[in-house]
């Protein structure tokens, strides 16, 4: 049986590159249909994540021109991970396998065929993994390496140099959708699903046009979400630091007593101020870490929807959420 493939493409202010993306992905789909690797019912799902430019108009035109292009417009900016989930929730209804890829096509689409072949060979999840980070700056390259090392040391299962470029079978995608947390870190969730996995390696291209949607601020926020979503070790580290500080305090107390009874002058001011500032900063950092977890609990217990679909164009039919 020839599988039906769906490609989910989250889009946010991608008007500079989107037309080229649509053309290239359409060519890939047509090529694989001709080779009988995928069904003629295969589709591409473009998810507009509350863009402020003409992204939705471009998607709408493509969806009206070809049934291979489908558009999903979210009511507001829900974030990349939620936009991806929105696309998956629609694609699982009609596709046997689903590939997620960013709209800038920095990820090499030529390996999509290899992903599909691995899927037809019995693999449920195929990770797209970068062979190198030659196109990254020195800072981004080393900060990414540090992030993956921290995640793995904290017990999270992550694939080094893998972002959100992957193929998932219908059953593995449905398992991903069954995870109900609002603080999404998909690249950490997927490896916990299980099922048979494989990897395809590729070289990442430079961005065709426009700006990266992950500036430093968002990268740091994403890293914090990833760490706090998958490990409670930072909280345990606070307890360990507290024990260490108790030992240091006892050592200082012993030194003070020895100095006092030995008749030595005790400077006082410097050591007092250093201790005060150090302990104060330690308390604030500890409260910040605990607060991060409390904030996530607050978001989860409200149980608000992760995204709201305003309207969609599926197989040429427009559906408006009334």
Protein backbone atom coordinates (compact mmCIF):
# COMPACT_ATOMS: atom_id res chain seq x y z
CA UNK A 1 0.00 0.00 0.00
CA UNK A 2 1.35 3.42 -1.00
CA UNK A 3 1.34 5.76 2.03
CA UNK A 4 -0.27 9.20 2.13
CA UNK A 5 2.27 11.79 3.22
CA UNK A 6 1.53 15.06 4.98
CA UNK A 7 4.07 17.86 5.42
CA UNK A 8 3.36 20.35 8.22
CA UNK A 9 4.96 23.78 7.84
CA UNK A 10 4.55 26.29 10.72
CA UNK A 11 4.75 29.85 9.34
CA UNK A 12 5.23 33.16 11.13
CA UNK A 13 5.92 36.29 9.07
CA UNK A 14 7.45 34.29 6.22
CA UNK A 15 6.32 36.36 3.24
CA UNK A 16 9.89 36.72 1.91
CA UNK A 17 10.47 32.97 1.55
CA UNK A 18 7.05 31.35 1.53
CA UNK A 19 6.35 31.41 -2.20
CA UNK A 20 9.67 29.69 -2.91
CA UNK A 21 8.96 27.20 -0.11
CA UNK A 22 5.57 26.33 -1.60
CA UNK A 23 7.09 25.76 -5.03
CA UNK A 24 9.93 23.58 -3.77
CA UNK A 25 7.77 21.43 -1.49
CA UNK A 26 5.19 20.99 -4.27
CA UNK A 27 7.96 19.76 -6.57
CA UNK A 28 9.13 17.26 -3.95
CA UNK A 29 5.57 15.94 -3.50
CA UNK A 30 5.02 15.64 -7.27
CA UNK A 31 8.36 13.87 -7.73
CA UNK A 32 7.59 11.25 -5.07
CA UNK A 33 4.08 10.72 -6.45
CA UNK A 34 5.57 10.03 -9.89
CA UNK A 35 7.99 7.52 -8.32
CA UNK A 36 4.98 5.94 -6.56
CA UNK A 37 6.61 6.45 -3.17
CA UNK A 38 3.56 8.31 -1.84
CA UNK A 39 -0.13 8.53 -2.67
CA UNK A 40 -1.69 11.20 -4.89
CA UNK A 41 -3.67 12.21 -1.79
CA UNK A 42 -0.48 13.50 -0.13
CA UNK A 43 -0.78 17.08 1.10
CA UNK A 44 1.15 20.01 2.57
CA UNK A 45 -0.32 21.83 5.58
CA UNK A 46 0.83 25.44 6.00
CA UNK A 47 0.01 26.76 9.49
CA UNK A 48 -0.12 30.54 9.83
CA UNK A 49 0.80 31.29 13.43
CA UNK A 50 -0.79 34.75 13.66
CA UNK A 51 1.51 36.40 11.10
CA UNK A 52 1.40 40.19 10.75
CA UNK A 53 2.49 40.27 7.11
CA UNK A 54 1.00 38.68 3.96
CA UNK A 55 1.84 35.10 4.95
CA UNK A 56 -1.82 34.02 5.14
CA UNK A 57 -2.68 35.63 1.80
CA UNK A 58 0.14 33.62 0.15
CA UNK A 59 -1.06 30.41 1.82
CA UNK A 60 -4.66 31.14 0.85
CA UNK A 61 -3.73 31.69 -2.81
CA UNK A 62 -1.71 28.45 -2.90
CA UNK A 63 -4.55 26.47 -1.25
CA UNK A 64 -7.08 27.80 -3.74
CA UNK A 65 -4.79 27.02 -6.68
CA UNK A 66 -3.95 23.44 -5.70
CA UNK A 67 -5.51 20.82 -3.43
CA UNK A 68 -2.00 19.69 -2.48
CA UNK A 69 -1.62 22.91 -0.47
CA UNK A 70 -3.77 23.28 2.63
CA UNK A 71 -3.93 26.32 4.90
CA UNK A 72 -4.59 26.53 8.63
CA UNK A 73 -4.89 30.00 10.16
CA UNK A 74 -4.55 30.30 13.93
CA UNK A 75 -6.51 33.05 15.68
CA UNK A 76 -3.36 34.50 17.22
CA UNK A 77 0.34 33.86 17.72
CA UNK A 78 0.44 30.60 19.70
CA UNK A 79 4.14 29.87 19.27
CA UNK A 80 6.07 27.57 16.95
CA UNK A 81 5.52 24.40 18.98
CA UNK A 82 1.75 24.92 19.25
CA UNK A 83 1.51 25.77 15.55
CA UNK A 84 3.25 22.49 14.81
CA UNK A 85 0.79 20.62 17.03
CA UNK A 86 -2.12 22.35 15.28
CA UNK A 87 -0.85 21.14 11.91
CA UNK A 88 -0.32 17.61 13.21
CA UNK A 89 -3.85 17.50 14.67
CA UNK A 90 -5.27 18.15 11.20
CA UNK A 91 -2.81 16.00 9.24
CA UNK A 92 -3.34 12.82 11.32
CA UNK A 93 -6.92 12.62 10.06
CA UNK A 94 -5.83 11.86 6.50
CA UNK A 95 -2.11 10.98 6.43
CA UNK A 96 -0.16 7.79 7.14
CA UNK A 97 3.07 9.69 7.78
CA UNK A 98 3.72 13.33 8.64
CA UNK A 99 6.88 15.38 8.20
CA UNK A 100 7.39 18.65 10.07
CA UNK A 101 9.73 21.27 8.65
CA UNK A 102 10.30 25.02 9.12
CA UNK A 103 9.14 27.40 6.40
CA UNK A 104 12.60 28.86 5.73
CA UNK A 105 13.74 25.50 4.26
CA UNK A 106 17.15 25.72 5.88
CA UNK A 107 16.60 22.01 6.51
CA UNK A 108 17.46 20.04 3.37
CA UNK A 109 14.23 18.83 1.70
CA UNK A 110 16.14 16.43 -0.55
CA UNK A 111 16.26 13.91 2.34
CA UNK A 112 12.45 13.76 2.55
CA UNK A 113 12.50 10.88 0.07
CA UNK A 114 14.97 8.99 2.28
CA UNK A 115 12.71 9.60 5.29
CA UNK A 116 9.73 8.16 3.43
CA UNK A 117 11.73 5.10 2.34
CA UNK A 118 12.70 4.43 5.96
CA UNK A 119 9.05 4.80 6.97
CA UNK A 120 7.89 2.29 4.35
CA UNK A 121 10.64 0.02 5.66
CA UNK A 122 8.95 -0.08 9.07
CA UNK A 123 10.35 2.92 10.96
CA UNK A 124 7.87 5.05 12.94
CA UNK A 125 10.02 8.11 13.67
CA UNK A 126 12.79 9.40 11.42
CA UNK A 127 14.89 12.25 12.84
CA UNK A 128 16.51 14.80 10.56
CA UNK A 129 19.92 15.49 12.09
CA UNK A 130 22.42 18.12 10.99
CA UNK A 131 25.85 16.77 10.06
CA UNK A 132 27.55 19.96 11.22
CA UNK A 133 26.91 23.53 12.38
CA UNK A 134 29.14 25.20 9.81
CA UNK A 135 26.51 27.85 9.03
CA UNK A 136 26.13 28.85 12.72
CA UNK A 137 28.01 31.58 14.54
CA UNK A 138 30.60 30.59 17.15
CA UNK A 139 28.22 31.59 19.94
CA UNK A 140 25.22 29.69 18.57
CA UNK A 141 27.28 26.59 17.83
CA UNK A 142 28.73 26.36 21.34
CA UNK A 143 25.57 27.42 23.16
CA UNK A 144 23.64 24.69 21.31
CA UNK A 145 26.27 22.11 22.31
CA UNK A 146 26.02 23.27 25.94
CA UNK A 147 22.22 23.09 25.82
CA UNK A 148 22.18 19.49 24.60
CA UNK A 149 24.77 18.48 27.20
CA UNK A 150 22.73 20.09 29.99
CA UNK A 151 19.51 18.43 28.78
CA UNK A 152 21.11 14.99 28.66
CA UNK A 153 22.78 15.46 32.05
CA UNK A 154 19.38 16.35 33.53
CA UNK A 155 17.88 13.13 32.23
CA UNK A 156 16.02 14.40 29.15
CA UNK A 157 16.20 12.30 25.99
CA UNK A 158 17.31 14.59 23.19
CA UNK A 159 18.88 13.93 19.80
CA UNK A 160 21.98 16.06 19.30
CA UNK A 161 21.69 18.50 16.37
CA UNK A 162 18.03 17.63 15.83
CA UNK A 163 15.39 20.36 15.96
CA UNK A 164 11.86 19.81 14.61
CA UNK A 165 12.63 18.28 11.23
CA UNK A 166 11.30 14.74 11.46
CA UNK A 167 8.92 12.17 10.05
CA UNK A 168 6.34 10.55 12.30
CA UNK A 169 3.99 7.69 11.51
CA UNK A 170 0.30 8.28 12.10
CA UNK A 171 0.31 6.25 15.31
CA UNK A 172 3.39 8.01 16.74
CA UNK A 173 1.90 11.42 15.84
CA UNK A 174 -1.32 10.49 17.65
CA UNK A 175 0.73 9.50 20.70
CA UNK A 176 2.44 12.90 20.59
CA UNK A 177 -0.97 14.62 20.45
CA UNK A 178 -2.02 12.67 23.55
CA UNK A 179 0.56 14.62 25.60
CA UNK A 180 -1.55 17.41 27.08
CA UNK A 181 0.99 19.77 28.66
CA UNK A 182 0.90 23.42 27.62
CA UNK A 183 4.64 23.96 28.10
CA UNK A 184 5.66 22.14 24.95
CA UNK A 185 9.17 20.99 24.14
CA UNK A 186 8.41 18.61 21.29
CA UNK A 187 11.97 17.55 20.52
CA UNK A 188 12.19 16.28 24.11
CA UNK A 189 8.76 14.59 24.08
CA UNK A 190 9.13 12.62 20.83
CA UNK A 191 12.03 10.39 22.02
CA UNK A 192 9.89 9.32 25.01
CA UNK A 193 7.18 7.89 22.75
CA UNK A 194 9.13 4.78 21.86
CA UNK A 195 8.51 2.87 18.61
CA UNK A 196 11.24 2.19 16.07
CA UNK A 197 13.40 5.21 15.16
CA UNK A 198 16.09 6.05 12.64
CA UNK A 199 18.13 9.06 11.54
CA UNK A 200 18.87 10.80 8.25
CA UNK A 201 21.78 13.25 8.12
CA UNK A 202 21.84 16.45 6.08
CA UNK A 203 23.62 19.78 5.70
CA UNK A 204 21.69 22.83 6.82
CA UNK A 205 21.44 25.66 4.30
CA UNK A 206 21.68 29.39 4.91
CA UNK A 207 18.34 31.15 5.22
CA UNK A 208 17.04 32.24 1.78
CA UNK A 209 15.60 35.58 2.96
CA UNK A 210 14.03 37.29 5.96
CA UNK A 211 15.15 37.09 9.56
CA UNK A 212 15.44 34.20 11.99
CA UNK A 213 12.36 33.76 14.17
CA UNK A 214 14.61 32.62 17.04
CA UNK A 215 16.65 35.60 18.30
CA UNK A 216 18.77 35.22 21.45
CA UNK A 217 15.89 36.09 23.79
CA UNK A 218 13.65 33.39 22.32
CA UNK A 219 16.49 30.86 22.29
CA UNK A 220 17.10 31.40 26.01
CA UNK A 221 13.36 31.15 26.76
CA UNK A 222 13.14 27.96 24.69
CA UNK A 223 16.11 26.46 26.53
CA UNK A 224 14.56 27.26 29.94
CA UNK A 225 11.26 25.69 28.84
CA UNK A 226 13.08 22.58 27.67
CA UNK A 227 15.03 22.15 30.90
CA UNK A 228 12.15 22.84 33.30
CA UNK A 229 9.68 20.74 31.29
CA UNK A 230 11.74 17.58 31.57
CA UNK A 231 13.64 17.63 34.82
CA UNK A 232 13.22 18.50 38.50
CA UNK A 233 16.96 18.27 39.08
CA UNK A 234 17.40 22.07 39.27
CA UNK A 235 15.17 22.06 42.37
CA UNK A 236 17.17 19.21 43.84
CA UNK A 237 20.34 21.16 43.08
CA UNK A 238 19.00 23.99 45.26
CA UNK A 239 18.82 21.57 48.21
CA UNK A 240 22.36 20.37 47.50
CA UNK A 241 23.62 23.96 47.35
CA UNK A 242 21.84 24.64 50.65
CA UNK A 243 23.71 21.74 52.28
CA UNK A 244 26.98 22.99 50.81
CA UNK A 245 26.30 26.48 52.14
CA UNK A 246 25.58 25.04 55.59
CA UNK A 247 29.00 23.37 55.54
CA UNK A 248 30.65 26.62 54.43
CA UNK A 249 28.79 28.52 57.18
CA UNK A 250 29.96 26.06 59.84
CA UNK A 251 33.53 26.38 58.55
CA UNK A 252 33.33 30.18 58.74
CA UNK A 253 31.86 29.94 62.26
CA UNK A 254 34.76 27.73 63.31
CA UNK A 255 37.25 30.18 61.83
CA UNK A 256 35.56 33.11 63.62
CA UNK A 257 35.72 31.31 66.98
CA UNK A 258 39.37 30.39 66.52
CA UNK A 259 40.20 33.98 65.54
CA UNK A 260 38.22 35.38 68.48
CA UNK A 261 39.83 33.22 71.14
CA UNK A 262 43.23 33.58 69.51
CA UNK A 263 43.06 37.34 69.92
CA UNK A 264 43.29 38.04 66.21
CA UNK A 265 41.56 41.08 64.73
CA UNK A 266 38.39 40.25 62.82
CA UNK A 267 37.96 42.53 59.80
CA UNK A 268 34.21 42.09 59.89
CA UNK A 269 32.94 44.49 57.28
CA UNK A 270 34.34 42.86 54.11
CA UNK A 271 33.47 39.30 55.02
CA UNK A 272 30.05 40.35 56.31
CA UNK A 273 29.14 42.21 53.12
CA UNK A 274 30.47 39.46 50.85
CA UNK A 275 28.49 36.85 52.77
CA UNK A 276 25.36 39.00 52.75
CA UNK A 277 25.41 39.62 49.00
CA UNK A 278 26.34 36.04 48.19
CA UNK A 279 23.55 34.55 50.31
CA UNK A 280 21.04 37.10 49.00
CA UNK A 281 21.85 36.31 45.37
CA UNK A 282 21.67 32.59 46.14
CA UNK A 283 18.22 33.01 47.69
CA UNK A 284 16.94 35.02 44.72
CA UNK A 285 18.28 32.49 42.21
CA UNK A 286 16.69 29.65 44.19
CA UNK A 287 13.36 31.46 44.34
CA UNK A 288 13.58 32.12 40.61
CA UNK A 289 14.08 28.44 39.81
CA UNK A 290 11.22 27.42 42.10
CA UNK A 291 9.08 30.20 40.63
CA UNK A 292 9.69 28.85 37.12
CA UNK A 293 8.18 25.52 38.14
CA UNK A 294 5.30 27.16 40.03
CA UNK A 295 4.56 29.27 36.94
CA UNK A 296 4.40 26.16 34.77
CA UNK A 297 2.00 24.53 37.24
CA UNK A 298 -0.14 27.68 37.06
CA UNK A 299 -0.27 27.49 33.26
CA UNK A 300 -1.05 23.77 33.26
CA UNK A 301 -3.88 23.85 35.81
CA UNK A 302 -5.75 26.52 33.84
CA UNK A 303 -5.99 23.95 31.03
CA UNK A 304 -6.52 26.55 28.32
CA UNK A 305 -6.44 25.44 24.67
CA UNK A 306 -2.97 25.43 23.17
CA UNK A 307 -4.22 27.01 19.96
CA UNK A 308 -7.43 28.20 18.31
CA UNK A 309 -7.95 27.64 14.59
CA UNK A 310 -9.68 30.68 13.09
CA UNK A 311 -10.19 29.13 9.66
CA UNK A 312 -8.72 26.54 7.34
CA UNK A 313 -8.66 25.59 3.68
CA UNK A 314 -8.51 21.80 3.34
CA UNK A 315 -8.71 20.20 -0.12
CA UNK A 316 -9.94 23.50 -1.52
CA UNK A 317 -12.80 23.82 0.98
CA UNK A 318 -12.75 26.80 3.31
CA UNK A 319 -13.85 26.18 6.90
CA UNK A 320 -14.41 29.09 9.27
CA UNK A 321 -14.57 28.56 13.02
CA UNK A 322 -17.81 30.26 14.04
